Amino acid sequence: MSWTYAALLALLTVLFALSLSPEADSAAVPSSSAKAPQGPLRRIFMKEADASNFFRRRSRRAVKSQDELNAEQRQVLAADKRKREFHEEKRNEFESYAEEDSDEQDERTRESTEQWREFHYDGMHPSQEYNRHSI
């Protein structure tokens, strides 16, 4: 039980030291001293008041704007395209593997059949290819 008190005391000490350090104040940028971003950054960063109002105004059931819908649709289409390309690549790999495996199996079957014919050939008759009767 005493180790929990010691751990809690150490944690509180560290938090207190961090709150008093000057680095903690320099990490936060107050909105009054920051100058307004220019160009495309203006769309990304907004003032604190605007950001908090955005989440207050925007409820879960709020209708999304057409830009948001288009952006989500583009993301879905891009994900579908990546998934389709991935599965197509896997299918091509499997088809080439299956074709090579089938070729190897055919070669092994042909070799074993040829060995069987050579072993069982008695020398008295021509090979099977030439021993066919014509109709």
N, C-alpha and C. Protein backbone atom coordinates (compact mmCIF):
# COMPACT_ATOMS: atom_id res chain seq x y z
N MET A 1 0.81 -1.19 0.00
CA MET A 1 0.00 0.00 0.00
C MET A 1 0.86 1.25 0.00
N SER A 2 2.03 1.17 0.63
CA SER A 2 2.88 2.35 0.72
C SER A 2 3.50 2.71 -0.63
N TRP A 3 3.67 1.73 -1.50
CA TRP A 3 4.26 2.03 -2.81
C TRP A 3 3.28 2.83 -3.68
N THR A 4 1.98 2.65 -3.47
CA THR A 4 1.02 3.44 -4.24
C THR A 4 1.07 4.90 -3.82
N TYR A 5 1.23 5.13 -2.51
CA TYR A 5 1.37 6.51 -2.04
C TYR A 5 2.64 7.14 -2.58
N ALA A 6 3.72 6.36 -2.59
CA ALA A 6 4.99 6.88 -3.10
C ALA A 6 4.88 7.20 -4.59
N ALA A 7 4.24 6.34 -5.35
CA ALA A 7 4.07 6.58 -6.78
C ALA A 7 3.18 7.79 -7.03
N LEU A 8 2.11 7.92 -6.24
CA LEU A 8 1.22 9.06 -6.39
C LEU A 8 1.92 10.36 -6.03
N LEU A 9 2.72 10.33 -4.97
CA LEU A 9 3.46 11.52 -4.57
C LEU A 9 4.48 11.92 -5.64
N ALA A 10 5.17 10.93 -6.24
CA ALA A 10 6.14 11.22 -7.29
C ALA A 10 5.44 11.79 -8.52
N LEU A 11 4.30 11.25 -8.87
CA LEU A 11 3.55 11.75 -10.02
C LEU A 11 3.08 13.18 -9.80
N LEU A 12 2.56 13.46 -8.63
CA LEU A 12 2.13 14.83 -8.33
C LEU A 12 3.29 15.80 -8.33
N THR A 13 4.45 15.37 -7.84
CA THR A 13 5.64 16.23 -7.85
C THR A 13 6.06 16.56 -9.27
N VAL A 14 6.06 15.56 -10.14
CA VAL A 14 6.44 15.79 -11.54
C VAL A 14 5.44 16.72 -12.22
N LEU A 15 4.16 16.52 -11.99
CA LEU A 15 3.16 17.40 -12.59
C LEU A 15 3.30 18.84 -12.09
N PHE A 16 3.56 19.00 -10.80
CA PHE A 16 3.74 20.34 -10.25
C PHE A 16 4.97 21.01 -10.85
N ALA A 17 6.06 20.24 -11.00
CA ALA A 17 7.28 20.81 -11.57
C ALA A 17 7.06 21.19 -13.03
N LEU A 18 6.32 20.39 -13.76
CA LEU A 18 6.05 20.71 -15.16
C LEU A 18 5.15 21.93 -15.30
N SER A 19 4.22 22.09 -14.39
CA SER A 19 3.33 23.24 -14.50
C SER A 19 4.06 24.55 -14.18
N LEU A 20 5.10 24.49 -13.39
CA LEU A 20 5.85 25.70 -13.05
C LEU A 20 6.97 26.01 -14.03
N SER A 21 7.33 25.07 -14.89
CA SER A 21 8.46 25.30 -15.79
C SER A 21 8.10 26.30 -16.88
N PRO A 22 9.05 27.12 -17.31
CA PRO A 22 8.76 28.11 -18.37
C PRO A 22 8.54 27.46 -19.73
N GLU A 23 9.02 26.24 -19.96
CA GLU A 23 8.82 25.57 -21.24
C GLU A 23 7.35 25.24 -21.46
N ALA A 24 6.60 25.04 -20.39
CA ALA A 24 5.18 24.72 -20.53
C ALA A 24 4.42 25.91 -21.12
N ASP A 25 4.82 27.12 -20.77
CA ASP A 25 4.14 28.29 -21.33
C ASP A 25 4.54 28.54 -22.77
N SER A 26 5.76 28.18 -23.15
CA SER A 26 6.20 28.44 -24.51
C SER A 26 5.62 27.46 -25.51
N ALA A 27 5.12 26.32 -25.04
CA ALA A 27 4.55 25.34 -25.96
C ALA A 27 3.19 25.79 -26.46
N ALA A 28 2.45 26.51 -25.64
CA ALA A 28 1.13 26.98 -26.05
C ALA A 28 1.27 28.33 -26.72
N VAL A 29 0.60 28.48 -27.86
CA VAL A 29 0.66 29.75 -28.58
C VAL A 29 -0.65 30.48 -28.35
N PRO A 30 -0.60 31.60 -27.68
CA PRO A 30 -1.85 32.34 -27.47
C PRO A 30 -2.35 32.90 -28.80
N SER A 31 -3.66 32.97 -28.93
CA SER A 31 -4.24 33.39 -30.20
C SER A 31 -4.02 34.87 -30.47
N SER A 32 -3.80 35.68 -29.43
CA SER A 32 -3.62 37.11 -29.65
C SER A 32 -2.26 37.43 -30.27
N SER A 33 -1.20 36.69 -29.88
CA SER A 33 0.13 37.00 -30.39
C SER A 33 0.42 36.32 -31.73
N ALA A 34 -0.35 35.30 -32.08
CA ALA A 34 -0.11 34.59 -33.34
C ALA A 34 -0.71 35.40 -34.48
N LYS A 35 0.08 35.54 -35.55
CA LYS A 35 -0.48 36.26 -36.69
C LYS A 35 -1.28 35.30 -37.55
N ALA A 36 -2.20 35.86 -38.27
CA ALA A 36 -3.11 35.04 -39.06
C ALA A 36 -2.34 34.37 -40.20
N PRO A 37 -2.53 33.06 -40.38
CA PRO A 37 -1.83 32.36 -41.46
C PRO A 37 -2.35 32.81 -42.82
N GLN A 38 -1.50 32.71 -43.80
CA GLN A 38 -1.84 33.15 -45.15
C GLN A 38 -1.98 31.94 -46.07
N GLY A 39 -2.70 32.12 -47.15
CA GLY A 39 -2.80 31.10 -48.20
C GLY A 39 -3.60 29.88 -47.75
N PRO A 40 -3.11 28.69 -48.13
CA PRO A 40 -3.87 27.47 -47.82
C PRO A 40 -3.92 27.16 -46.32
N LEU A 41 -2.97 27.72 -45.54
CA LEU A 41 -3.00 27.47 -44.10
C LEU A 41 -4.20 28.13 -43.44
N ARG A 42 -4.76 29.13 -44.07
CA ARG A 42 -5.93 29.81 -43.51
C ARG A 42 -7.09 28.83 -43.38
N ARG A 43 -7.19 27.88 -44.31
CA ARG A 43 -8.27 26.91 -44.25
C ARG A 43 -8.04 25.85 -43.18
N ILE A 44 -6.77 25.64 -42.81
CA ILE A 44 -6.46 24.59 -41.83
C ILE A 44 -6.58 25.12 -40.40
N PHE A 45 -5.92 26.24 -40.12
CA PHE A 45 -5.89 26.78 -38.76
C PHE A 45 -6.97 27.83 -38.60
N MET A 46 -7.59 27.84 -37.43
CA MET A 46 -8.59 28.86 -37.13
C MET A 46 -8.41 29.32 -35.70
N LYS A 47 -9.03 30.41 -35.36
CA LYS A 47 -8.92 30.96 -34.01
C LYS A 47 -9.62 30.04 -33.02
N GLU A 48 -9.24 30.21 -31.74
CA GLU A 48 -9.81 29.35 -30.71
C GLU A 48 -11.32 29.50 -30.63
N ALA A 49 -11.81 30.72 -30.68
CA ALA A 49 -13.25 30.95 -30.57
C ALA A 49 -13.99 30.31 -31.74
N ASP A 50 -13.42 30.42 -32.95
CA ASP A 50 -14.07 29.81 -34.11
C ASP A 50 -14.09 28.29 -33.99
N ALA A 51 -12.98 27.74 -33.47
CA ALA A 51 -12.91 26.28 -33.35
C ALA A 51 -13.93 25.77 -32.35
N SER A 52 -14.05 26.43 -31.20
CA SER A 52 -15.01 25.97 -30.20
C SER A 52 -16.44 26.17 -30.71
N ASN A 53 -16.69 27.27 -31.42
CA ASN A 53 -18.03 27.49 -31.97
C ASN A 53 -18.36 26.47 -33.05
N PHE A 54 -17.36 26.03 -33.79
CA PHE A 54 -17.59 25.04 -34.85
C PHE A 54 -18.16 23.76 -34.24
N PHE A 55 -17.55 23.31 -33.13
CA PHE A 55 -18.02 22.06 -32.54
C PHE A 55 -19.36 22.25 -31.81
N ARG A 56 -19.64 23.46 -31.34
CA ARG A 56 -20.94 23.71 -30.72
C ARG A 56 -22.04 23.73 -31.78
N ARG A 57 -21.77 24.40 -32.89
CA ARG A 57 -22.77 24.50 -33.96
C ARG A 57 -22.99 23.16 -34.63
N ARG A 58 -21.93 22.42 -34.79
CA ARG A 58 -21.99 21.17 -35.55
C ARG A 58 -22.36 20.02 -34.62
N SER A 59 -23.59 19.64 -34.64
CA SER A 59 -24.02 18.51 -33.82
C SER A 59 -23.84 17.23 -34.63
N ARG A 60 -24.14 16.12 -34.00
CA ARG A 60 -24.00 14.83 -34.68
C ARG A 60 -24.96 14.71 -35.85
N ARG A 61 -26.11 15.31 -35.76
CA ARG A 61 -27.13 15.15 -36.80
C ARG A 61 -27.12 16.28 -37.81
N ALA A 62 -26.13 17.14 -37.73
CA ALA A 62 -26.10 18.26 -38.67
C ALA A 62 -25.83 17.74 -40.08
N VAL A 63 -26.40 18.40 -41.05
CA VAL A 63 -26.22 18.01 -42.44
C VAL A 63 -24.81 18.44 -42.88
N LYS A 64 -24.12 17.55 -43.54
CA LYS A 64 -22.77 17.87 -44.02
C LYS A 64 -22.85 18.71 -45.28
N SER A 65 -21.84 19.51 -45.45
CA SER A 65 -21.81 20.34 -46.66
C SER A 65 -21.45 19.47 -47.87
N GLN A 66 -21.69 20.00 -49.04
CA GLN A 66 -21.40 19.24 -50.26
C GLN A 66 -19.91 18.99 -50.40
N ASP A 67 -19.09 19.94 -49.94
CA ASP A 67 -17.63 19.74 -50.00
C ASP A 67 -17.21 18.57 -49.12
N GLU A 68 -17.80 18.49 -47.92
CA GLU A 68 -17.47 17.38 -47.04
C GLU A 68 -17.92 16.05 -47.63
N LEU A 69 -19.11 16.04 -48.20
CA LEU A 69 -19.61 14.81 -48.83
C LEU A 69 -18.72 14.39 -50.00
N ASN A 70 -18.31 15.37 -50.80
CA ASN A 70 -17.43 15.07 -51.94
C ASN A 70 -16.08 14.54 -51.46
N ALA A 71 -15.54 15.16 -50.40
CA ALA A 71 -14.24 14.71 -49.89
C ALA A 71 -14.33 13.28 -49.35
N GLU A 72 -15.41 12.99 -48.61
CA GLU A 72 -15.60 11.63 -48.11
C GLU A 72 -15.77 10.64 -49.25
N GLN A 73 -16.51 11.04 -50.27
CA GLN A 73 -16.70 10.15 -51.42
C GLN A 73 -15.39 9.88 -52.14
N ARG A 74 -14.55 10.91 -52.27
CA ARG A 74 -13.24 10.72 -52.90
C ARG A 74 -12.38 9.76 -52.08
N GLN A 75 -12.45 9.88 -50.76
CA GLN A 75 -11.68 8.98 -49.91
C GLN A 75 -12.17 7.54 -50.05
N VAL A 76 -13.48 7.36 -50.09
CA VAL A 76 -14.04 6.01 -50.25
C VAL A 76 -13.64 5.43 -51.60
N LEU A 77 -13.74 6.24 -52.65
CA LEU A 77 -13.37 5.75 -53.99
C LEU A 77 -11.89 5.41 -54.07
N ALA A 78 -11.05 6.23 -53.44
CA ALA A 78 -9.61 5.95 -53.44
C ALA A 78 -9.31 4.66 -52.68
N ALA A 79 -9.99 4.46 -51.54
CA ALA A 79 -9.78 3.23 -50.77
C ALA A 79 -10.26 2.02 -51.56
N ASP A 80 -11.39 2.15 -52.25
CA ASP A 80 -11.89 1.04 -53.08
C ASP A 80 -10.92 0.72 -54.21
N LYS A 81 -10.36 1.76 -54.81
CA LYS A 81 -9.40 1.54 -55.90
C LYS A 81 -8.16 0.81 -55.40
N ARG A 82 -7.64 1.26 -54.23
CA ARG A 82 -6.47 0.58 -53.66
C ARG A 82 -6.78 -0.87 -53.32
N LYS A 83 -7.97 -1.11 -52.78
CA LYS A 83 -8.36 -2.47 -52.43
C LYS A 83 -8.49 -3.33 -53.69
N ARG A 84 -9.10 -2.76 -54.74
CA ARG A 84 -9.27 -3.49 -56.00
C ARG A 84 -7.92 -3.84 -56.62
N GLU A 85 -6.99 -2.85 -56.62
CA GLU A 85 -5.66 -3.11 -57.17
C GLU A 85 -4.92 -4.18 -56.37
N PHE A 86 -5.07 -4.13 -55.04
CA PHE A 86 -4.41 -5.13 -54.19
C PHE A 86 -4.93 -6.53 -54.50
N HIS A 87 -6.26 -6.67 -54.58
CA HIS A 87 -6.83 -7.99 -54.85
C HIS A 87 -6.51 -8.46 -56.27
N GLU A 88 -6.45 -7.54 -57.22
CA GLU A 88 -6.09 -7.92 -58.58
C GLU A 88 -4.64 -8.42 -58.62
N GLU A 89 -3.77 -7.73 -57.90
CA GLU A 89 -2.37 -8.16 -57.86
C GLU A 89 -2.25 -9.54 -57.21
N LYS A 90 -2.98 -9.76 -56.12
CA LYS A 90 -2.94 -11.07 -55.46
C LYS A 90 -3.50 -12.16 -56.37
N ARG A 91 -4.58 -11.84 -57.11
CA ARG A 91 -5.16 -12.83 -58.02
C ARG A 91 -4.18 -13.17 -59.13
N ASN A 92 -3.48 -12.15 -59.68
CA ASN A 92 -2.50 -12.41 -60.73
C ASN A 92 -1.35 -13.27 -60.20
N GLU A 93 -0.91 -12.96 -58.98
CA GLU A 93 0.16 -13.78 -58.39
C GLU A 93 -0.29 -15.22 -58.23
N PHE A 94 -1.52 -15.43 -57.75
CA PHE A 94 -2.01 -16.79 -57.56
C PHE A 94 -2.17 -17.50 -58.90
N GLU A 95 -2.68 -16.79 -59.92
CA GLU A 95 -2.85 -17.42 -61.23
C GLU A 95 -1.51 -17.84 -61.81
N SER A 96 -0.50 -16.99 -61.68
CA SER A 96 0.82 -17.36 -62.21
C SER A 96 1.40 -18.52 -61.41
N TYR A 97 1.20 -18.52 -60.09
CA TYR A 97 1.67 -19.65 -59.28
C TYR A 97 0.96 -20.93 -59.68
N ALA A 98 -0.37 -20.87 -59.86
CA ALA A 98 -1.13 -22.07 -60.23
C ALA A 98 -0.70 -22.57 -61.60
N GLU A 99 -0.44 -21.66 -62.53
CA GLU A 99 -0.01 -22.08 -63.86
C GLU A 99 1.37 -22.75 -63.81
N GLU A 100 2.29 -22.17 -63.05
CA GLU A 100 3.61 -22.78 -62.92
C GLU A 100 3.51 -24.14 -62.25
N ASP A 101 2.67 -24.23 -61.23
CA ASP A 101 2.52 -25.51 -60.53
C ASP A 101 1.92 -26.56 -61.45
N SER A 102 0.94 -26.16 -62.26
CA SER A 102 0.34 -27.10 -63.21
C SER A 102 1.36 -27.55 -64.25
N ASP A 103 2.17 -26.62 -64.75
CA ASP A 103 3.21 -26.98 -65.71
C ASP A 103 4.21 -27.96 -65.12
N GLU A 104 4.62 -27.70 -63.88
CA GLU A 104 5.55 -28.61 -63.22
C GLU A 104 4.94 -29.99 -63.04
N GLN A 105 3.66 -30.04 -62.66
CA GLN A 105 2.98 -31.33 -62.48
C GLN A 105 2.88 -32.07 -63.80
N ASP A 106 2.55 -31.35 -64.88
CA ASP A 106 2.49 -31.99 -66.20
C ASP A 106 3.84 -32.54 -66.61
N GLU A 107 4.90 -31.77 -66.32
CA GLU A 107 6.25 -32.23 -66.67
C GLU A 107 6.61 -33.49 -65.87
N ARG A 108 6.29 -33.50 -64.57
CA ARG A 108 6.58 -34.69 -63.76
C ARG A 108 5.79 -35.90 -64.26
N THR A 109 4.52 -35.68 -64.63
CA THR A 109 3.70 -36.78 -65.14
C THR A 109 4.26 -37.30 -66.46
N ARG A 110 4.66 -36.39 -67.35
CA ARG A 110 5.22 -36.80 -68.63
C ARG A 110 6.52 -37.58 -68.44
N GLU A 111 7.37 -37.11 -67.52
CA GLU A 111 8.63 -37.80 -67.27
C GLU A 111 8.39 -39.19 -66.69
N SER A 112 7.46 -39.29 -65.74
CA SER A 112 7.21 -40.61 -65.13
C SER A 112 6.59 -41.56 -66.16
N THR A 113 5.72 -41.06 -67.03
CA THR A 113 5.13 -41.90 -68.07
C THR A 113 6.20 -42.37 -69.05
N GLU A 114 7.10 -41.46 -69.41
CA GLU A 114 8.20 -41.83 -70.32
C GLU A 114 9.11 -42.88 -69.70
N GLN A 115 9.41 -42.71 -68.40
CA GLN A 115 10.24 -43.70 -67.72
C GLN A 115 9.55 -45.06 -67.66
N TRP A 116 8.23 -45.04 -67.41
CA TRP A 116 7.49 -46.30 -67.35
C TRP A 116 7.52 -47.00 -68.71
N ARG A 117 7.35 -46.24 -69.80
CA ARG A 117 7.39 -46.83 -71.15
C ARG A 117 8.76 -47.41 -71.47
N GLU A 118 9.80 -46.67 -71.08
CA GLU A 118 11.15 -47.18 -71.35
C GLU A 118 11.42 -48.45 -70.56
N PHE A 119 10.95 -48.49 -69.32
CA PHE A 119 11.20 -49.66 -68.49
C PHE A 119 10.44 -50.88 -69.00
N HIS A 120 9.21 -50.67 -69.47
CA HIS A 120 8.37 -51.79 -69.90
C HIS A 120 8.50 -52.10 -71.39
N TYR A 121 9.32 -51.37 -72.11
CA TYR A 121 9.46 -51.63 -73.54
C TYR A 121 10.28 -52.91 -73.73
N ASP A 122 9.73 -53.87 -74.50
CA ASP A 122 10.41 -55.16 -74.67
C ASP A 122 11.27 -55.20 -75.93
N GLY A 123 11.22 -54.18 -76.75
CA GLY A 123 12.04 -54.15 -77.94
C GLY A 123 11.45 -54.90 -79.11
N MET A 124 10.35 -55.59 -78.92
CA MET A 124 9.76 -56.39 -79.98
C MET A 124 8.80 -55.57 -80.85
N HIS A 125 8.14 -54.64 -80.25
CA HIS A 125 7.13 -53.87 -80.97
C HIS A 125 7.57 -52.41 -81.03
N PRO A 126 7.13 -51.68 -82.05
CA PRO A 126 7.44 -50.26 -82.07
C PRO A 126 6.73 -49.55 -80.90
N SER A 127 7.17 -48.36 -80.61
CA SER A 127 6.58 -47.65 -79.47
C SER A 127 5.10 -47.40 -79.73
N GLN A 128 4.41 -47.03 -78.68
CA GLN A 128 2.95 -46.91 -78.74
C GLN A 128 2.50 -45.88 -79.77
N GLU A 129 3.30 -44.84 -79.97
CA GLU A 129 2.90 -43.79 -80.91
C GLU A 129 2.76 -44.34 -82.32
N TYR A 130 3.61 -45.31 -82.68
CA TYR A 130 3.60 -45.84 -84.04
C TYR A 130 2.83 -47.15 -84.14
N ASN A 131 2.25 -47.60 -83.03
CA ASN A 131 1.56 -48.88 -83.01
C ASN A 131 0.05 -48.71 -83.12
N ARG A 132 -0.39 -47.56 -83.58
CA ARG A 132 -1.81 -47.33 -83.70
C ARG A 132 -2.30 -47.84 -85.05
N HIS A 133 -3.50 -48.39 -85.02
CA HIS A 133 -4.11 -48.86 -86.26
C HIS A 133 -4.87 -47.71 -86.88
N SER A 134 -4.71 -47.52 -88.15
CA SER A 134 -5.45 -46.45 -88.81
C SER A 134 -6.86 -46.95 -89.15
N ILE A 135 -7.80 -46.08 -89.08
CA ILE A 135 -9.19 -46.48 -89.33
C ILE A 135 -9.50 -46.38 -90.79
